[in-house]
Every structure is written in C-alpha cells, then in structure tokens.
C-alpha cells in the first residue's frame, strides 16, 4: 500500500466504490457461468439453441464494446439481447463496420422476452459470485463515519441493486449510481456529478468534490475520472488476471491519493491520512 497527501485538503465526507473487480472480483469463468445460465434460460423459455445463443452473445458484446465505449456510452444489455434474438430468428447480421437497425431487431422479440432474459442474467450473477463477508464488514465500519455509495460502470443496474441487497450491503449505502441509469460511463464527469447529487442529504449543502474519495481498479475510469472531477482517488491495483471486464493501466495522467494492494488496506490507509 502506498499513500500520498490527500487532494484538496479538508475532511473526507464520502467514499464511493466501483463494483466489478473492486467490491466484487469478476473472473472469466464466473462471467461465463452467468451467460451460460442466461443461455439455458433462453433455451428453456424461448427455444434458443444454446451454442448459437452463446456465439451470438459474444459477437454482439464485442460489437457493443467497439461501438459504445469510445463514445463514453454504456453498453445496453436489453439492446444486446434483442439483437441476439433477432439473429437467432433469421434477421441478417450487419457487417462489423455497419450498425444494427435496432428498431427492426426489436420487432423480432417481445418486451416480456427481454425482461425475462434480463431478470435471468441478474439472478445468475448474484448466484454465481458469492459476496465476500469481509466486504460487508468493511462497509459497515466505514459507514459509521462516511456516506458510502457504489459508483460503477455496469450495463445492467438491477444486477448491482440485487447483489447489494443479497449481500446485506444496502443499509450501509447512501446511493447506488450506475452508468446504465446515468447514460454515460466513467471517466465522464457526469458520472461523478450524479454521485455528488445522490450523496447530498435532502436540504443539505452540496458536497465539495474534494471531500469525496473514489475507490476503483480501472486507472482511466476510476483514477483519472475522479481526478478530473476534483475528487480524491484510491487505485486498487489487484484484479483477477483473467477478468473480461474492460480495464486500463497507469499512464501518468493522474496521481492517486492512495494505492491499495487489497481493499482491506483502505482502512489503515485512511487512518494514516487522518481521514
């Protein structure tokens, strides 16, 4: 664990946490199990061939990442599922350089089918990755002196809502701010501004950006993004080696206030800084 002087000075009022690979390690086998469970559910309910579903899901995931991330837009799992079902039901697949006609793709499925699929995905994620009891204990202790929130890029906000509820984290959290709901992704400042609004007490004054610490594993999204928003930042440099989640490496564009080897290092690091 490395520590530097707190940015901006003043008391630390709030702490936000990234979700995937910060609060919850997401390795490739776990995510593959989630998508496999979705494929099984789609086969049982919608008659989709499992192998064809998995291949279409992987192809459309890559397309969405290629199209949306450079625009600072979150990938949309409902759109992906509609595209996958359209492919399986005979709609011609656009060339990699072309875009989907999403209105036409949506006519190949029903709202109920899409809702069923998203529900299956969220339930499978909660079942596939058990929460670490130490994370809940950490959040409980930190909540005694700071407002806490999850601030995460994630394509299905309901997944984080359900996970936090199942893990028993919800009583410790003042807010859950997710890119799917905000309409953009970290490091865009709109994500951090949305968290500032969510953390503000009703009728209370706005939080000073320098009074908030964001903890995350993705350098560009979490460290650079927090710094540009005027926040403090803690970089968690440990993550699953095989994680399929998007990530970036340090590039000298920012200087985190804290560098953590494990999330458990956060408490002693804050104590060392007098926070």
Protein backbone atom coordinates (compact mmCIF):
# COMPACT_ATOMS: atom_id res chain seq x y z
CA UNK A 1 0.00 0.00 0.00
CA UNK A 2 1.30 3.42 -0.96
CA UNK A 3 -0.15 6.70 0.28
CA UNK A 4 0.27 10.33 -0.67
CA UNK A 5 -1.16 13.54 0.74
CA UNK A 6 -4.93 13.94 0.45
CA UNK A 7 -6.02 16.00 -2.55
CA UNK A 8 -7.62 19.33 -1.83
CA UNK A 9 -7.37 19.04 1.96
CA UNK A 10 -10.39 19.19 4.22
CA UNK A 11 -12.34 16.36 5.81
CA UNK A 12 -13.31 13.25 3.90
CA UNK A 13 -17.10 13.10 3.95
CA UNK A 14 -17.96 10.34 1.46
CA UNK A 15 -16.43 7.28 -0.18
CA UNK A 16 -17.64 5.69 -3.41
CA UNK A 17 -16.68 2.25 -4.69
CA UNK A 18 -16.50 0.75 -8.12
CA UNK A 19 -18.38 -2.56 -8.31
CA UNK A 20 -16.75 -5.08 -10.66
CA UNK A 21 -13.20 -6.04 -9.57
CA UNK A 22 -13.32 -3.61 -6.65
CA UNK A 23 -16.15 -4.79 -4.41
CA UNK A 24 -16.71 -7.97 -6.41
CA UNK A 25 -14.00 -9.88 -8.30
CA UNK A 26 -15.30 -10.87 -11.73
CA UNK A 27 -13.20 -13.58 -13.33
CA UNK A 28 -13.82 -15.04 -16.75
CA UNK A 29 -15.22 -18.39 -15.50
CA UNK A 30 -17.76 -16.60 -13.31
CA UNK A 31 -18.99 -14.35 -16.10
CA UNK A 32 -19.12 -17.30 -18.49
CA UNK A 33 -21.28 -19.11 -15.93
CA UNK A 34 -23.65 -16.13 -15.82
CA UNK A 35 -24.01 -16.02 -19.61
CA UNK A 36 -24.34 -19.81 -19.68
CA UNK A 37 -27.22 -19.61 -17.22
CA UNK A 38 -28.84 -16.97 -19.41
CA UNK A 39 -28.42 -19.21 -22.46
CA UNK A 40 -30.02 -22.11 -20.58
CA UNK A 41 -32.93 -19.91 -19.54
CA UNK A 42 -33.34 -18.66 -23.11
CA UNK A 43 -33.35 -22.22 -24.36
CA UNK A 44 -35.99 -23.34 -21.88
CA UNK A 45 -38.26 -20.31 -22.28
CA UNK A 46 -37.56 -19.10 -25.81
CA UNK A 47 -36.41 -22.22 -27.60
CA UNK A 48 -32.97 -20.77 -28.38
CA UNK A 49 -30.14 -23.12 -29.27
CA UNK A 50 -27.54 -22.84 -26.51
CA UNK A 51 -24.44 -22.83 -28.69
CA UNK A 52 -25.91 -20.38 -31.17
CA UNK A 53 -27.06 -18.11 -28.35
CA UNK A 54 -23.60 -18.04 -26.75
CA UNK A 55 -21.87 -17.33 -30.06
CA UNK A 56 -24.28 -14.52 -30.90
CA UNK A 57 -23.98 -13.04 -27.39
CA UNK A 58 -20.17 -12.97 -27.61
CA UNK A 59 -20.22 -11.38 -31.06
CA UNK A 60 -22.70 -8.69 -30.03
CA UNK A 61 -20.80 -7.98 -26.83
CA UNK A 62 -17.67 -7.26 -28.84
CA UNK A 63 -19.65 -5.09 -31.26
CA UNK A 64 -21.14 -3.04 -28.43
CA UNK A 65 -17.79 -2.53 -26.73
CA UNK A 66 -16.30 -1.41 -30.03
CA UNK A 67 -19.15 0.98 -30.79
CA UNK A 68 -20.12 2.39 -27.40
CA UNK A 69 -17.04 2.66 -25.18
CA UNK A 70 -15.20 5.21 -27.40
CA UNK A 71 -18.34 7.38 -27.17
CA UNK A 72 -18.41 7.11 -23.36
CA UNK A 73 -21.70 5.25 -23.57
CA UNK A 74 -22.60 2.17 -21.59
CA UNK A 75 -23.38 -0.99 -23.48
CA UNK A 76 -27.08 -1.87 -23.18
CA UNK A 77 -27.92 -5.48 -22.30
CA UNK A 78 -31.52 -5.09 -23.44
CA UNK A 79 -30.29 -3.96 -26.86
CA UNK A 80 -27.80 -6.84 -26.94
CA UNK A 81 -30.45 -9.39 -26.07
CA UNK A 82 -32.80 -8.06 -28.75
CA UNK A 83 -30.00 -8.27 -31.31
CA UNK A 84 -29.15 -11.83 -30.27
CA UNK A 85 -32.78 -12.94 -30.56
CA UNK A 86 -33.08 -11.19 -33.92
CA UNK A 87 -30.01 -13.07 -35.18
CA UNK A 88 -31.40 -16.38 -33.98
CA UNK A 89 -34.75 -15.64 -35.62
CA UNK A 90 -33.32 -15.00 -39.04
CA UNK A 91 -32.53 -11.31 -39.24
CA UNK A 92 -29.41 -10.68 -41.36
CA UNK A 93 -26.40 -9.70 -39.27
CA UNK A 94 -24.78 -6.36 -40.17
CA UNK A 95 -21.16 -6.33 -41.25
CA UNK A 96 -18.71 -5.42 -38.45
CA UNK A 97 -18.40 -1.89 -39.86
CA UNK A 98 -22.17 -1.39 -40.06
CA UNK A 99 -24.74 -0.66 -37.37
CA UNK A 100 -27.81 -2.62 -36.41
CA UNK A 101 -31.27 -1.42 -37.28
CA UNK A 102 -32.33 -1.74 -33.66
CA UNK A 103 -35.94 -0.83 -34.34
CA UNK A 104 -36.19 -3.71 -36.80
CA UNK A 105 -34.33 -6.04 -34.43
CA UNK A 106 -36.75 -5.20 -31.62
CA UNK A 107 -39.66 -6.47 -33.72
CA UNK A 108 -38.16 -9.99 -33.55
CA UNK A 109 -38.79 -10.23 -29.79
CA UNK A 110 -41.30 -9.10 -27.19
CA UNK A 111 -40.84 -6.84 -24.17
CA UNK A 112 -41.71 -9.80 -21.97
CA UNK A 113 -38.97 -11.94 -23.51
CA UNK A 114 -36.38 -9.24 -22.99
CA UNK A 115 -37.49 -8.63 -19.40
CA UNK A 116 -37.29 -12.36 -18.74
CA UNK A 117 -33.75 -12.51 -20.12
CA UNK A 118 -32.50 -9.53 -18.10
CA UNK A 119 -34.03 -10.96 -14.94
CA UNK A 120 -32.33 -14.29 -15.62
CA UNK A 121 -28.99 -12.53 -16.14
CA UNK A 122 -29.23 -10.57 -12.88
CA UNK A 123 -30.29 -13.62 -10.87
CA UNK A 124 -27.48 -15.69 -12.38
CA UNK A 125 -24.87 -13.07 -11.50
CA UNK A 126 -25.94 -12.95 -7.87
CA UNK A 127 -25.87 -16.75 -7.71
CA UNK A 128 -22.51 -17.16 -9.49
CA UNK A 129 -20.35 -14.84 -7.37
CA UNK A 130 -20.92 -15.09 -3.60
CA UNK A 131 -20.13 -11.87 -1.70
CA UNK A 132 -17.04 -11.71 0.47
CA UNK A 133 -18.22 -11.29 4.09
CA UNK A 134 -15.21 -9.08 4.78
CA UNK A 135 -16.51 -6.51 2.27
CA UNK A 136 -19.79 -6.19 4.12
CA UNK A 137 -17.96 -5.79 7.41
CA UNK A 138 -15.69 -3.13 5.89
CA UNK A 139 -18.64 -1.17 4.54
CA UNK A 140 -20.36 -1.38 7.90
CA UNK A 141 -17.37 0.10 9.69
CA UNK A 142 -16.78 2.84 7.13
CA UNK A 143 -20.46 3.81 7.13
CA UNK A 144 -20.06 4.89 10.75
CA UNK A 145 -18.05 7.91 9.67
CA UNK A 146 -18.67 8.44 5.95
CA UNK A 147 -21.51 8.42 3.44
CA UNK A 148 -20.94 5.43 1.15
CA UNK A 149 -22.06 4.72 -2.39
CA UNK A 150 -21.41 2.39 -5.28
CA UNK A 151 -20.33 4.31 -8.39
CA UNK A 152 -19.90 1.90 -11.24
CA UNK A 153 -19.85 1.35 -14.96
CA UNK A 154 -22.22 -1.58 -15.42
CA UNK A 155 -24.61 -2.49 -18.22
CA UNK A 156 -27.50 -3.65 -16.01
CA UNK A 157 -28.10 -1.60 -12.87
CA UNK A 158 -30.55 -4.16 -11.49
CA UNK A 159 -27.66 -6.59 -11.14
CA UNK A 160 -25.86 -4.29 -8.70
CA UNK A 161 -29.10 -3.47 -6.86
CA UNK A 162 -29.83 -7.16 -6.34
CA UNK A 163 -26.27 -8.03 -5.43
CA UNK A 164 -26.05 -5.28 -2.81
CA UNK A 165 -29.38 -6.37 -1.34
CA UNK A 166 -28.44 -10.06 -1.26
CA UNK A 167 -25.03 -9.27 0.26
CA UNK A 168 -26.57 -7.14 3.02
CA UNK A 169 -24.75 -4.01 1.86
CA UNK A 170 -27.81 -1.84 1.19
CA UNK A 171 -28.17 -0.49 4.77
CA UNK A 172 -24.60 0.85 4.55
CA UNK A 173 -25.09 2.65 1.22
CA UNK A 174 -26.47 6.13 0.68
CA UNK A 175 -26.72 5.57 -3.08
CA UNK A 176 -26.05 3.20 -5.98
CA UNK A 177 -25.05 5.17 -9.10
CA UNK A 178 -24.71 3.08 -12.26
CA UNK A 179 -23.76 4.08 -15.79
CA UNK A 180 -26.84 2.40 -17.28
CA UNK A 181 -29.01 4.89 -15.40
CA UNK A 182 -26.80 7.95 -15.87
CA UNK A 183 -26.41 7.43 -19.62
CA UNK A 184 -22.63 7.66 -19.77
CA UNK A 185 -19.61 5.90 -18.29
CA UNK A 186 -16.66 6.83 -16.12
CA UNK A 187 -14.38 8.71 -16.63
CA UNK A 188 -17.02 11.12 -17.94
CA UNK A 189 -17.58 13.79 -15.26
CA UNK A 190 -21.36 13.30 -15.47
CA UNK A 191 -20.96 10.05 -13.54
CA UNK A 192 -19.20 11.80 -10.67
CA UNK A 193 -21.61 14.73 -10.69
CA UNK A 194 -24.52 12.26 -10.50
CA UNK A 195 -22.92 10.67 -7.44
CA UNK A 196 -22.50 14.07 -5.79
CA UNK A 197 -26.22 14.69 -6.22
CA UNK A 198 -27.12 11.21 -4.94
CA UNK A 199 -24.91 11.60 -1.87
CA UNK A 200 -26.25 15.02 -0.92
CA UNK A 201 -28.53 14.96 2.09
CA UNK A 202 -32.05 16.29 1.45
CA UNK A 203 -31.97 20.02 2.03
CA UNK A 204 -28.26 19.92 2.78
CA UNK A 205 -25.44 21.77 1.04
CA UNK A 206 -23.70 20.26 -1.98
CA UNK A 207 -20.72 18.06 -1.21
CA UNK A 208 -17.37 19.61 -2.03
CA UNK A 209 -15.75 17.41 -4.69
CA UNK A 210 -12.54 17.24 -2.65
CA UNK A 211 -14.45 15.72 0.26
CA UNK A 212 -15.18 12.52 -1.71
CA UNK A 213 -12.83 9.58 -2.25
CA UNK A 214 -13.46 7.15 -5.09
CA UNK A 215 -12.00 3.64 -4.91
CA UNK A 216 -11.61 1.59 -8.08
CA UNK A 217 -9.41 -0.75 -10.08
CA UNK A 218 -9.62 0.83 -13.54
CA UNK A 219 -6.99 3.54 -13.98
CA UNK A 220 -8.71 5.65 -16.63
CA UNK A 221 -12.26 5.22 -15.39
CA UNK A 222 -11.63 5.47 -11.67
CA UNK A 223 -8.38 7.34 -11.01
CA UNK A 224 -8.29 9.72 -13.98
CA UNK A 225 -12.06 10.19 -13.84
CA UNK A 226 -12.09 11.01 -10.14
CA UNK A 227 -9.16 13.40 -10.50
CA UNK A 228 -10.80 15.30 -13.32
CA UNK A 229 -13.95 15.63 -11.22
CA UNK A 230 -11.90 17.16 -8.39
CA UNK A 231 -12.29 14.08 -6.20
CA UNK A 232 -9.70 12.13 -4.29
CA UNK A 233 -8.86 8.71 -5.73
CA UNK A 234 -7.69 5.35 -4.44
CA UNK A 235 -6.41 2.88 -7.02
CA UNK A 236 -6.84 -0.82 -6.26
CA UNK A 237 -4.11 -2.46 -8.29
CA UNK A 238 -5.15 -6.08 -7.65
CA UNK A 239 -7.75 -7.61 -10.00
CA UNK A 240 -8.42 -11.09 -11.39
CA UNK A 241 -5.83 -11.83 -14.05
CA UNK A 242 -8.43 -13.42 -16.29
CA UNK A 243 -11.17 -10.83 -15.86
CA UNK A 244 -13.02 -9.99 -19.09
CA UNK A 245 -14.14 -6.60 -17.80
CA UNK A 246 -12.66 -3.56 -19.57
CA UNK A 247 -9.61 -2.13 -17.82
CA UNK A 248 -6.72 0.27 -18.34
CA UNK A 249 -3.21 0.61 -16.98
CA UNK A 250 -1.46 3.60 -15.32
CA UNK A 251 -0.31 6.15 -17.88
CA UNK A 252 0.92 9.04 -15.77
CA UNK A 253 -2.21 11.09 -16.45
CA UNK A 254 -3.17 11.18 -12.77
CA UNK A 255 -1.72 10.70 -9.31
CA UNK A 256 -3.96 8.73 -6.94
CA UNK A 257 -4.07 9.72 -3.30
CA UNK A 258 -3.85 6.06 -2.31
CA UNK A 259 -2.60 2.91 -4.00
CA UNK A 260 -4.02 -0.26 -2.47
CA UNK A 261 -2.95 -3.86 -2.91
CA UNK A 262 -6.20 -5.09 -1.33
CA UNK A 263 -9.45 -3.38 -0.46
CA UNK A 264 -8.79 -4.33 3.15
CA UNK A 265 -5.86 -1.88 3.06
CA UNK A 266 -8.27 1.05 2.75
CA UNK A 267 -8.98 1.45 6.46
CA UNK A 268 -5.36 1.67 7.65
CA UNK A 269 -4.56 3.95 4.71
CA UNK A 270 -7.35 6.33 5.70
CA UNK A 271 -6.20 6.23 9.31
CA UNK A 272 -2.67 7.13 8.22
CA UNK A 273 -4.05 10.16 6.40
CA UNK A 274 -6.18 11.22 9.33
CA UNK A 275 -9.39 10.53 7.40
